[in-house]
Amino acid sequence: MGTDDVETLSYELEDDQSLVSYEDGDYQDFSGEGYDPNFDALFGEEEYREMGINPDEATQAKPGSEQKVLMLAARYAAGLPLWNNSDCYDHGPGENLLQGLLA
């Protein structure tokens, strides 16, 4: 690929007016007075435990699943490390096949 090829692949970009520009001041400033975050809406460790989520235990929930995200949130609320060495790290069904071959 030579320099002539690069020039044929390049083109002018048009302004996308649908994108928000912060230069015109059209954004919400949370640093000023009047912003009162509702921290009561956040779950604490006890709320996760009441839902049956024990942040001290490993989870077999797949990465990215709702169950895994809830476990990570529970660990965060409990002040624990997010990673547990016994957590499931499998992304697909091939892991079970591989474990069957190694057994």
PDB file of N, CA and C in Angstrom:
ATOM      1  N   MET A   1       0.853  -1.165   0.000  1.00  0.00           N
ATOM      2  CA  MET A   1       0.000   0.000   0.000  1.00  0.00           C
ATOM      3  C   MET A   1       0.902   1.232   0.000  1.00  0.00           C
ATOM      4  N   GLY A   2       0.780   2.056  -0.997  1.00  0.00           N
ATOM      5  CA  GLY A   2       1.602   3.251  -1.121  1.00  0.00           C
ATOM      6  C   GLY A   2       0.883   4.480  -0.621  1.00  0.00           C
ATOM      7  N   THR A   3       1.540   5.637  -0.768  1.00  0.00           N
ATOM      8  CA  THR A   3       0.944   6.883  -0.299  1.00  0.00           C
ATOM      9  C   THR A   3      -0.274   7.266  -1.115  1.00  0.00           C
ATOM     10  N   ASP A   4      -0.304   6.883  -2.406  1.00  0.00           N
ATOM     11  CA  ASP A   4      -1.482   7.181  -3.229  1.00  0.00           C
ATOM     12  C   ASP A   4      -2.708   6.437  -2.708  1.00  0.00           C
ATOM     13  N   ASP A   5      -2.493   5.196  -2.239  1.00  0.00           N
ATOM     14  CA  ASP A   5      -3.606   4.407  -1.704  1.00  0.00           C
ATOM     15  C   ASP A   5      -4.183   5.043  -0.442  1.00  0.00           C
ATOM     16  N   VAL A   6      -3.331   5.608   0.383  1.00  0.00           N
ATOM     17  CA  VAL A   6      -3.790   6.240   1.614  1.00  0.00           C
ATOM     18  C   VAL A   6      -4.654   7.446   1.284  1.00  0.00           C
ATOM     19  N   GLU A   7      -4.269   8.207   0.285  1.00  0.00           N
ATOM     20  CA  GLU A   7      -5.048   9.379  -0.097  1.00  0.00           C
ATOM     21  C   GLU A   7      -6.421   8.988  -0.620  1.00  0.00           C
ATOM     22  N   THR A   8      -6.529   7.857  -1.320  1.00  0.00           N
ATOM     23  CA  THR A   8      -7.835   7.438  -1.819  1.00  0.00           C
ATOM     24  C   THR A   8      -8.729   6.933  -0.699  1.00  0.00           C
ATOM     25  N   LEU A   9      -8.146   6.480   0.382  1.00  0.00           N
ATOM     26  CA  LEU A   9      -8.945   5.991   1.501  1.00  0.00           C
ATOM     27  C   LEU A   9      -9.395   7.123   2.426  1.00  0.00           C
ATOM     28  N   SER A  10      -8.760   8.277   2.336  1.00  0.00           N
ATOM     29  CA  SER A  10      -9.120   9.369   3.233  1.00  0.00           C
ATOM     30  C   SER A  10     -10.275  10.176   2.658  1.00  0.00           C
ATOM     31  N   TYR A  11     -11.040  10.790   3.541  1.00  0.00           N
ATOM     32  CA  TYR A  11     -12.159  11.626   3.126  1.00  0.00           C
ATOM     33  C   TYR A  11     -12.423  12.661   4.212  1.00  0.00           C
ATOM     34  N   GLU A  12     -13.105  13.705   3.842  1.00  0.00           N
ATOM     35  CA  GLU A  12     -13.430  14.772   4.782  1.00  0.00           C
ATOM     36  C   GLU A  12     -14.586  14.337   5.685  1.00  0.00           C
ATOM     37  N   LEU A  13     -14.487  14.650   6.950  1.00  0.00           N
ATOM     38  CA  LEU A  13     -15.561  14.351   7.891  1.00  0.00           C
ATOM     39  C   LEU A  13     -16.500  15.541   7.985  1.00  0.00           C
ATOM     40  N   GLU A  14     -17.775  15.242   8.036  1.00  0.00           N
ATOM     41  CA  GLU A  14     -18.763  16.295   8.218  1.00  0.00           C
ATOM     42  C   GLU A  14     -19.033  16.468   9.706  1.00  0.00           C
ATOM     43  N   ASP A  15     -19.395  17.678  10.086  1.00  0.00           N
ATOM     44  CA  ASP A  15     -19.765  17.919  11.478  1.00  0.00           C
ATOM     45  C   ASP A  15     -21.041  17.158  11.798  1.00  0.00           C
ATOM     46  N   ASP A  16     -21.024  16.430  12.892  1.00  0.00           N
ATOM     47  CA  ASP A  16     -22.209  15.703  13.335  1.00  0.00           C
ATOM     48  C   ASP A  16     -22.912  16.548  14.388  1.00  0.00           C
ATOM     49  N   GLN A  17     -23.980  17.190  13.997  1.00  0.00           N
ATOM     50  CA  GLN A  17     -24.687  18.097  14.894  1.00  0.00           C
ATOM     51  C   GLN A  17     -25.432  17.358  16.004  1.00  0.00           C
ATOM     52  N   SER A  18     -25.554  16.025  15.885  1.00  0.00           N
ATOM     53  CA  SER A  18     -26.262  15.276  16.920  1.00  0.00           C
ATOM     54  C   SER A  18     -25.383  15.047  18.151  1.00  0.00           C
ATOM     55  N   LEU A  19     -24.083  15.271  18.005  1.00  0.00           N
ATOM     56  CA  LEU A  19     -23.192  15.092  19.138  1.00  0.00           C
ATOM     57  C   LEU A  19     -23.282  16.297  20.061  1.00  0.00           C
ATOM     58  N   VAL A  20     -23.203  16.044  21.341  1.00  0.00           N
ATOM     59  CA  VAL A  20     -23.294  17.125  22.322  1.00  0.00           C
ATOM     60  C   VAL A  20     -21.935  17.800  22.433  1.00  0.00           C
ATOM     61  N   SER A  21     -21.932  19.093  22.400  1.00  0.00           N
ATOM     62  CA  SER A  21     -20.708  19.861  22.578  1.00  0.00           C
ATOM     63  C   SER A  21     -20.758  20.536  23.938  1.00  0.00           C
ATOM     64  N   TYR A  22     -19.725  20.341  24.724  1.00  0.00           N
ATOM     65  CA  TYR A  22     -19.679  20.959  26.038  1.00  0.00           C
ATOM     66  C   TYR A  22     -19.230  22.415  25.964  1.00  0.00           C
ATOM     67  N   GLU A  23     -18.784  22.838  24.796  1.00  0.00           N
ATOM     68  CA  GLU A  23     -18.324  24.216  24.654  1.00  0.00           C
ATOM     69  C   GLU A  23     -19.474  25.208  24.783  1.00  0.00           C
ATOM     70  N   ASP A  24     -20.667  24.804  24.368  1.00  0.00           N
ATOM     71  CA  ASP A  24     -21.789  25.736  24.437  1.00  0.00           C
ATOM     72  C   ASP A  24     -22.478  25.712  25.805  1.00  0.00           C
ATOM     73  N   GLY A  25     -21.894  24.993  26.774  1.00  0.00           N
ATOM     74  CA  GLY A  25     -22.406  25.013  28.140  1.00  0.00           C
ATOM     75  C   GLY A  25     -23.682  24.226  28.347  1.00  0.00           C
ATOM     76  N   ASP A  26     -24.032  23.342  27.435  1.00  0.00           N
ATOM     77  CA  ASP A  26     -25.270  22.580  27.532  1.00  0.00           C
ATOM     78  C   ASP A  26     -25.019  21.244  28.232  1.00  0.00           C
ATOM     79  N   TYR A  27     -24.608  21.308  29.488  1.00  0.00           N
ATOM     80  CA  TYR A  27     -24.402  20.109  30.279  1.00  0.00           C
ATOM     81  C   TYR A  27     -24.706  20.429  31.734  1.00  0.00           C
ATOM     82  N   GLN A  28     -24.953  19.380  32.504  1.00  0.00           N
ATOM     83  CA  GLN A  28     -25.295  19.582  33.908  1.00  0.00           C
ATOM     84  C   GLN A  28     -24.021  19.600  34.743  1.00  0.00           C
ATOM     85  N   ASP A  29     -23.835  20.652  35.492  1.00  0.00           N
ATOM     86  CA  ASP A  29     -22.663  20.785  36.343  1.00  0.00           C
ATOM     87  C   ASP A  29     -23.008  20.258  37.736  1.00  0.00           C
ATOM     88  N   PHE A  30     -22.379  19.143  38.114  1.00  0.00           N
ATOM     89  CA  PHE A  30     -22.667  18.523  39.398  1.00  0.00           C
ATOM     90  C   PHE A  30     -21.794  19.075  40.524  1.00  0.00           C
ATOM     91  N   SER A  31     -20.865  19.954  40.191  1.00  0.00           N
ATOM     92  CA  SER A  31     -19.955  20.445  41.218  1.00  0.00           C
ATOM     93  C   SER A  31     -20.528  21.616  42.013  1.00  0.00           C
ATOM     94  N   GLY A  32     -21.566  22.242  41.509  1.00  0.00           N
ATOM     95  CA  GLY A  32     -22.113  23.417  42.181  1.00  0.00           C
ATOM     96  C   GLY A  32     -23.079  23.066  43.290  1.00  0.00           C
ATOM     97  N   GLU A  33     -23.598  24.083  43.907  1.00  0.00           N
ATOM     98  CA  GLU A  33     -24.571  23.882  44.974  1.00  0.00           C
ATOM     99  C   GLU A  33     -25.885  23.376  44.387  1.00  0.00           C
ATOM    100  N   GLY A  34     -26.642  22.711  45.198  1.00  0.00           N
ATOM    101  CA  GLY A  34     -27.936  22.220  44.750  1.00  0.00           C
ATOM    102  C   GLY A  34     -27.913  20.768  44.311  1.00  0.00           C
ATOM    103  N   TYR A  35     -26.727  20.194  44.099  1.00  0.00           N
ATOM    104  CA  TYR A  35     -26.645  18.782  43.723  1.00  0.00           C
ATOM    105  C   TYR A  35     -26.551  17.959  44.991  1.00  0.00           C
ATOM    106  N   ASP A  36     -27.535  17.105  45.193  1.00  0.00           N
ATOM    107  CA  ASP A  36     -27.579  16.280  46.389  1.00  0.00           C
ATOM    108  C   ASP A  36     -27.728  14.826  45.961  1.00  0.00           C
ATOM    109  N   PRO A  37     -26.616  14.081  45.838  1.00  0.00           N
ATOM    110  CA  PRO A  37     -26.723  12.690  45.407  1.00  0.00           C
ATOM    111  C   PRO A  37     -27.484  11.854  46.430  1.00  0.00           C
ATOM    112  N   ASN A  38     -28.262  10.907  45.950  1.00  0.00           N
ATOM    113  CA  ASN A  38     -29.070  10.060  46.819  1.00  0.00           C
ATOM    114  C   ASN A  38     -28.308   8.771  47.110  1.00  0.00           C
ATOM    115  N   PHE A  39     -27.455   8.814  48.121  1.00  0.00           N
ATOM    116  CA  PHE A  39     -26.684   7.630  48.460  1.00  0.00           C
ATOM    117  C   PHE A  39     -27.531   6.579  49.172  1.00  0.00           C
ATOM    118  N   ASP A  40     -28.716   6.949  49.633  1.00  0.00           N
ATOM    119  CA  ASP A  40     -29.605   5.977  50.263  1.00  0.00           C
ATOM    120  C   ASP A  40     -30.121   4.965  49.250  1.00  0.00           C
ATOM    121  N   ALA A  41     -30.093   5.327  47.968  1.00  0.00           N
ATOM    122  CA  ALA A  41     -30.578   4.426  46.933  1.00  0.00           C
ATOM    123  C   ALA A  41     -29.578   3.311  46.641  1.00  0.00           C
ATOM    124  N   LEU A  42     -28.336   3.464  47.093  1.00  0.00           N
ATOM    125  CA  LEU A  42     -27.316   2.446  46.859  1.00  0.00           C
ATOM    126  C   LEU A  42     -27.473   1.319  47.868  1.00  0.00           C
ATOM    127  N   PHE A  43     -27.184   0.100  47.420  1.00  0.00           N
ATOM    128  CA  PHE A  43     -27.249  -1.045  48.315  1.00  0.00           C
ATOM    129  C   PHE A  43     -26.001  -1.097  49.177  1.00  0.00           C
ATOM    130  N   GLY A  44     -26.179  -1.554  50.390  1.00  0.00           N
ATOM    131  CA  GLY A  44     -25.058  -1.829  51.275  1.00  0.00           C
ATOM    132  C   GLY A  44     -24.847  -3.333  51.339  1.00  0.00           C
ATOM    133  N   GLU A  45     -23.846  -3.740  52.078  1.00  0.00           N
ATOM    134  CA  GLU A  45     -23.517  -5.162  52.178  1.00  0.00           C
ATOM    135  C   GLU A  45     -24.699  -5.987  52.670  1.00  0.00           C
ATOM    136  N   GLU A  46     -25.433  -5.491  53.651  1.00  0.00           N
ATOM    137  CA  GLU A  46     -26.553  -6.252  54.220  1.00  0.00           C
ATOM    138  C   GLU A  46     -27.663  -6.492  53.197  1.00  0.00           C
ATOM    139  N   GLU A  47     -27.929  -5.507  52.347  1.00  0.00           N
ATOM    140  CA  GLU A  47     -28.969  -5.689  51.322  1.00  0.00           C
ATOM    141  C   GLU A  47     -28.593  -6.806  50.359  1.00  0.00           C
ATOM    142  N   TYR A  48     -27.310  -6.899  50.002  1.00  0.00           N
ATOM    143  CA  TYR A  48     -26.878  -7.983  49.114  1.00  0.00           C
ATOM    144  C   TYR A  48     -26.993  -9.331  49.819  1.00  0.00           C
ATOM    145  N   ARG A  49     -26.630  -9.372  51.085  1.00  0.00           N
ATOM    146  CA  ARG A  49     -26.742 -10.631  51.833  1.00  0.00           C
ATOM    147  C   ARG A  49     -28.205 -11.062  51.959  1.00  0.00           C
ATOM    148  N   GLU A  50     -29.113 -10.083  52.139  1.00  0.00           N
ATOM    149  CA  GLU A  50     -30.540 -10.406  52.197  1.00  0.00           C
ATOM    150  C   GLU A  50     -31.046 -10.962  50.867  1.00  0.00           C
ATOM    151  N   MET A  51     -30.403 -10.582  49.767  1.00  0.00           N
ATOM    152  CA  MET A  51     -30.772 -11.118  48.449  1.00  0.00           C
ATOM    153  C   MET A  51     -30.138 -12.482  48.203  1.00  0.00           C
ATOM    154  N   GLY A  52     -29.375 -12.986  49.171  1.00  0.00           N
ATOM    155  CA  GLY A  52     -28.741 -14.293  49.021  1.00  0.00           C
ATOM    156  C   GLY A  52     -27.381 -14.234  48.357  1.00  0.00           C
ATOM    157  N   ILE A  53     -26.794 -13.055  48.283  1.00  0.00           N
ATOM    158  CA  ILE A  53     -25.476 -12.896  47.670  1.00  0.00           C
ATOM    159  C   ILE A  53     -24.457 -12.738  48.788  1.00  0.00           C
ATOM    160  N   ASN A  54     -23.562 -13.710  48.903  1.00  0.00           N
ATOM    161  CA  ASN A  54     -22.524 -13.672  49.926  1.00  0.00           C
ATOM    162  C   ASN A  54     -21.219 -13.231  49.267  1.00  0.00           C
ATOM    163  N   PRO A  55     -20.766 -12.008  49.523  1.00  0.00           N
ATOM    164  CA  PRO A  55     -19.568 -11.511  48.849  1.00  0.00           C
ATOM    165  C   PRO A  55     -18.284 -12.231  49.253  1.00  0.00           C
ATOM    166  N   ASP A  56     -18.328 -13.009  50.333  1.00  0.00           N
ATOM    167  CA  ASP A  56     -17.144 -13.745  50.777  1.00  0.00           C
ATOM    168  C   ASP A  56     -16.906 -15.010  49.959  1.00  0.00           C
ATOM    169  N   GLU A  57     -17.930 -15.491  49.263  1.00  0.00           N
ATOM    170  CA  GLU A  57     -17.829 -16.750  48.530  1.00  0.00           C
ATOM    171  C   GLU A  57     -17.487 -16.519  47.066  1.00  0.00           C
ATOM    172  N   ALA A  58     -16.976 -17.565  46.428  1.00  0.00           N
ATOM    173  CA  ALA A  58     -16.723 -17.531  44.984  1.00  0.00           C
ATOM    174  C   ALA A  58     -18.050 -17.660  44.251  1.00  0.00           C
ATOM    175  N   THR A  59     -18.083 -17.213  43.021  1.00  0.00           N
ATOM    176  CA  THR A  59     -19.294 -17.332  42.212  1.00  0.00           C
ATOM    177  C   THR A  59     -18.997 -18.099  40.931  1.00  0.00           C
ATOM    178  N   GLN A  60     -19.952 -18.883  40.506  1.00  0.00           N
ATOM    179  CA  GLN A  60     -19.834 -19.596  39.236  1.00  0.00           C
ATOM    180  C   GLN A  60     -20.534 -18.846  38.112  1.00  0.00           C
ATOM    181  N   ALA A  61     -20.971 -17.625  38.391  1.00  0.00           N
ATOM    182  CA  ALA A  61     -21.631 -16.807  37.369  1.00  0.00           C
ATOM    183  C   ALA A  61     -20.630 -16.450  36.279  1.00  0.00           C
ATOM    184  N   LYS A  62     -21.100 -16.479  35.044  1.00  0.00           N
ATOM    185  CA  LYS A  62     -20.254 -16.164  33.890  1.00  0.00           C
ATOM    186  C   LYS A  62     -19.862 -14.690  33.898  1.00  0.00           C
ATOM    187  N   PRO A  63     -18.663 -14.372  33.436  1.00  0.00           N
ATOM    188  CA  PRO A  63     -18.258 -12.968  33.327  1.00  0.00           C
ATOM    189  C   PRO A  63     -19.247 -12.176  32.470  1.00  0.00           C
ATOM    190  N   GLY A  64     -19.631 -11.016  32.954  1.00  0.00           N
ATOM    191  CA  GLY A  64     -20.556 -10.155  32.222  1.00  0.00           C
ATOM    192  C   GLY A  64     -22.020 -10.422  32.509  1.00  0.00           C
ATOM    193  N   SER A  65     -22.324 -11.521  33.207  1.00  0.00           N
ATOM    194  CA  SER A  65     -23.720 -11.838  33.503  1.00  0.00           C
ATOM    195  C   SER A  65     -24.230 -10.945  34.634  1.00  0.00           C
ATOM    196  N   GLU A  66     -25.545 -10.852  34.746  1.00  0.00           N
ATOM    197  CA  GLU A  66     -26.142 -10.037  35.802  1.00  0.00           C
ATOM    198  C   GLU A  66     -25.731 -10.543  37.182  1.00  0.00           C
ATOM    199  N   GLN A  67     -25.663 -11.872  37.335  1.00  0.00           N
ATOM    200  CA  GLN A  67     -25.272 -12.445  38.620  1.00  0.00           C
ATOM    201  C   GLN A  67     -23.843 -12.049  38.992  1.00  0.00           C
ATOM    202  N   LYS A  68     -22.943 -12.035  37.990  1.00  0.00           N
ATOM    203  CA  LYS A  68     -21.550 -11.665  38.255  1.00  0.00           C
ATOM    204  C   LYS A  68     -21.453 -10.186  38.638  1.00  0.00           C
ATOM    205  N   VAL A  69     -22.202  -9.340  37.943  1.00  0.00           N
ATOM    206  CA  VAL A  69     -22.190  -7.909  38.247  1.00  0.00           C
ATOM    207  C   VAL A  69     -22.719  -7.659  39.659  1.00  0.00           C
ATOM    208  N   LEU A  70     -23.774  -8.375  40.047  1.00  0.00           N
ATOM    209  CA  LEU A  70     -24.299  -8.240  41.410  1.00  0.00           C
ATOM    210  C   LEU A  70     -23.270  -8.681  42.444  1.00  0.00           C
ATOM    211  N   MET A  71     -22.547  -9.755  42.141  1.00  0.00           N
ATOM    212  CA  MET A  71     -21.515 -10.228  43.065  1.00  0.00           C
ATOM    213  C   MET A  71     -20.406  -9.189  43.200  1.00  0.00           C
ATOM    214  N   LEU A  72     -19.988  -8.598  42.088  1.00  0.00           N
ATOM    215  CA  LEU A  72     -18.948  -7.572  42.144  1.00  0.00           C
ATOM    216  C   LEU A  72     -19.414  -6.366  42.955  1.00  0.00           C
ATOM    217  N   ALA A  73     -20.675  -5.987  42.780  1.00  0.00           N
ATOM    218  CA  ALA A  73     -21.230  -4.863  43.542  1.00  0.00           C
ATOM    219  C   ALA A  73     -21.281  -5.198  45.031  1.00  0.00           C
ATOM    220  N   ALA A  74     -21.632  -6.436  45.358  1.00  0.00           N
ATOM    221  CA  ALA A  74     -21.686  -6.858  46.762  1.00  0.00           C
ATOM    222  C   ALA A  74     -20.293  -6.851  47.381  1.00  0.00           C
ATOM    223  N   ARG A  75     -19.297  -7.315  46.628  1.00  0.00           N
ATOM    224  CA  ARG A  75     -17.923  -7.298  47.140  1.00  0.00           C
ATOM    225  C   ARG A  75     -17.443  -5.863  47.347  1.00  0.00           C
ATOM    226  N   TYR A  76     -17.794  -4.997  46.414  1.00  0.00           N
ATOM    227  CA  TYR A  76     -17.415  -3.589  46.543  1.00  0.00           C
ATOM    228  C   TYR A  76     -18.061  -2.976  47.787  1.00  0.00           C
ATOM    229  N   ALA A  77     -19.349  -3.266  47.990  1.00  0.00           N
ATOM    230  CA  ALA A  77     -20.068  -2.725  49.149  1.00  0.00           C
ATOM    231  C   ALA A  77     -19.473  -3.244  50.453  1.00  0.00           C
ATOM    232  N   ALA A  78     -18.951  -4.472  50.418  1.00  0.00           N
ATOM    233  CA  ALA A  78     -18.368  -5.067  51.622  1.00  0.00           C
ATOM    234  C   ALA A  78     -16.914  -4.655  51.823  1.00  0.00           C
ATOM    235  N   GLY A  79     -16.349  -3.935  50.857  1.00  0.00           N
ATOM    236  CA  GLY A  79     -14.952  -3.523  50.966  1.00  0.00           C
ATOM    237  C   GLY A  79     -13.979  -4.647  50.688  1.00  0.00           C
ATOM    238  N   LEU A  80     -14.425  -5.651  49.937  1.00  0.00           N
ATOM    239  CA  LEU A  80     -13.583  -6.800  49.608  1.00  0.00           C
ATOM    240  C   LEU A  80     -12.966  -6.627  48.225  1.00  0.00           C
ATOM    241  N   PRO A  81     -11.892  -7.377  47.934  1.00  0.00           N
ATOM    242  CA  PRO A  81     -11.369  -7.366  46.561  1.00  0.00           C
ATOM    243  C   PRO A  81     -12.441  -7.881  45.606  1.00  0.00           C
ATOM    244  N   LEU A  82     -12.498  -7.321  44.411  1.00  0.00           N
ATOM    245  CA  LEU A  82     -13.516  -7.741  43.451  1.00  0.00           C
ATOM    246  C   LEU A  82     -13.231  -9.130  42.902  1.00  0.00           C
ATOM    247  N   TRP A  83     -11.969  -9.527  42.848  1.00  0.00           N
ATOM    248  CA  TRP A  83     -11.588 -10.798  42.248  1.00  0.00           C
ATOM    249  C   TRP A  83     -11.459 -11.873  43.309  1.00  0.00           C
ATOM    250  N   ASN A  84     -12.004 -13.056  43.013  1.00  0.00           N
ATOM    251  CA  ASN A  84     -11.835 -14.233  43.851  1.00  0.00           C
ATOM    252  C   ASN A  84     -11.207 -15.300  42.963  1.00  0.00           C
ATOM    253  N   ASN A  85     -10.117 -15.900  43.389  1.00  0.00           N
ATOM    254  CA  ASN A  85      -9.408 -16.879  42.555  1.00  0.00           C
ATOM    255  C   ASN A  85     -10.264 -18.081  42.187  1.00  0.00           C
ATOM    256  N   SER A  86     -11.323 -18.342  42.930  1.00  0.00           N
ATOM    257  CA  SER A  86     -12.193 -19.482  42.637  1.00  0.00           C
ATOM    258  C   SER A  86     -13.400 -19.106  41.787  1.00  0.00           C
ATOM    259  N   ASP A  87     -13.500 -17.838  41.376  1.00  0.00           N
ATOM    260  CA  ASP A  87     -14.607 -17.422  40.505  1.00  0.00           C
ATOM    261  C   ASP A  87     -14.522 -18.122  39.155  1.00  0.00           C
ATOM    262  N   CYS A  88     -15.670 -18.244  38.522  1.00  0.00           N
ATOM    263  CA  CYS A  88     -15.731 -18.775  37.168  1.00  0.00           C
ATOM    264  C   CYS A  88     -15.083 -17.765  36.223  1.00  0.00           C
ATOM    265  N   TYR A  89     -14.247 -18.248  35.341  1.00  0.00           N
ATOM    266  CA  TYR A  89     -13.627 -17.370  34.352  1.00  0.00           C
ATOM    267  C   TYR A  89     -13.941 -17.829  32.937  1.00  0.00           C
ATOM    268  N   ASP A  90     -14.778 -18.828  32.814  1.00  0.00           N
ATOM    269  CA  ASP A  90     -15.140 -19.417  31.527  1.00  0.00           C
ATOM    270  C   ASP A  90     -16.037 -18.474  30.738  1.00  0.00           C
ATOM    271  N   HIS A  91     -15.746 -18.335  29.460  1.00  0.00           N
ATOM    272  CA  HIS A  91     -16.566 -17.499  28.591  1.00  0.00           C
ATOM    273  C   HIS A  91     -17.449 -18.320  27.662  1.00  0.00           C
ATOM    274  N   GLY A  92     -17.341 -19.639  27.713  1.00  0.00           N
ATOM    275  CA  GLY A  92     -18.146 -20.435  26.799  1.00  0.00           C
ATOM    276  C   GLY A  92     -18.177 -21.901  27.188  1.00  0.00           C
ATOM    277  N   PRO A  93     -18.888 -22.714  26.405  1.00  0.00           N
ATOM    278  CA  PRO A  93     -19.056 -24.134  26.739  1.00  0.00           C
ATOM    279  C   PRO A  93     -17.793 -24.960  26.544  1.00  0.00           C
ATOM    280  N   GLY A  94     -16.785 -24.458  25.862  1.00  0.00           N
ATOM    281  CA  GLY A  94     -15.562 -25.213  25.620  1.00  0.00           C
ATOM    282  C   GLY A  94     -14.801 -25.541  26.886  1.00  0.00           C
ATOM    283  N   GLU A  95     -14.961 -24.739  27.922  1.00  0.00           N
ATOM    284  CA  GLU A  95     -14.269 -24.974  29.184  1.00  0.00           C
ATOM    285  C   GLU A  95     -14.672 -26.319  29.783  1.00  0.00           C
ATOM    286  N   ASN A  96     -15.961 -26.647  29.745  1.00  0.00           N
ATOM    287  CA  ASN A  96     -16.431 -27.928  30.292  1.00  0.00           C
ATOM    288  C   ASN A  96     -15.855 -29.093  29.504  1.00  0.00           C
ATOM    289  N   LEU A  97     -15.771 -28.961  28.194  1.00  0.00           N
ATOM    290  CA  LEU A  97     -15.205 -30.010  27.357  1.00  0.00           C
ATOM    291  C   LEU A  97     -13.737 -30.213  27.696  1.00  0.00           C
ATOM    292  N   LEU A  98     -12.995 -29.129  27.825  1.00  0.00           N
ATOM    293  CA  LEU A  98     -11.577 -29.209  28.145  1.00  0.00           C
ATOM    294  C   LEU A  98     -11.369 -29.851  29.510  1.00  0.00           C
ATOM    295  N   GLN A  99     -12.178 -29.504  30.490  1.00  0.00           N
ATOM    296  CA  GLN A  99     -12.026 -30.090  31.818  1.00  0.00           C
ATOM    297  C   GLN A  99     -12.333 -31.582  31.786  1.00  0.00           C
ATOM    298  N   GLY A 100     -13.270 -31.995  30.936  1.00  0.00           N
ATOM    299  CA  GLY A 100     -13.580 -33.412  30.806  1.00  0.00           C
ATOM    300  C   GLY A 100     -12.427 -34.197  30.210  1.00  0.00           C
ATOM    301  N   LEU A 101     -11.694 -33.591  29.296  1.00  0.00           N
ATOM    302  CA  LEU A 101     -10.548 -34.253  28.680  1.00  0.00           C
ATOM    303  C   LEU A 101      -9.371 -34.355  29.636  1.00  0.00           C
ATOM    304  N   LEU A 102      -9.236 -33.397  30.528  1.00  0.00           N
ATOM    305  CA  LEU A 102      -8.116 -33.395  31.463  1.00  0.00           C
ATOM    306  C   LEU A 102      -8.351 -34.309  32.650  1.00  0.00           C
ATOM    307  N   ALA A 103      -9.595 -34.681  32.916  1.00  0.00           N
ATOM    308  CA  ALA A 103      -9.906 -35.509  34.086  1.00  0.00           C
ATOM    309  C   ALA A 103      -9.534 -36.955  33.868  1.00  0.00           C
TER     310      ALA A 103
END
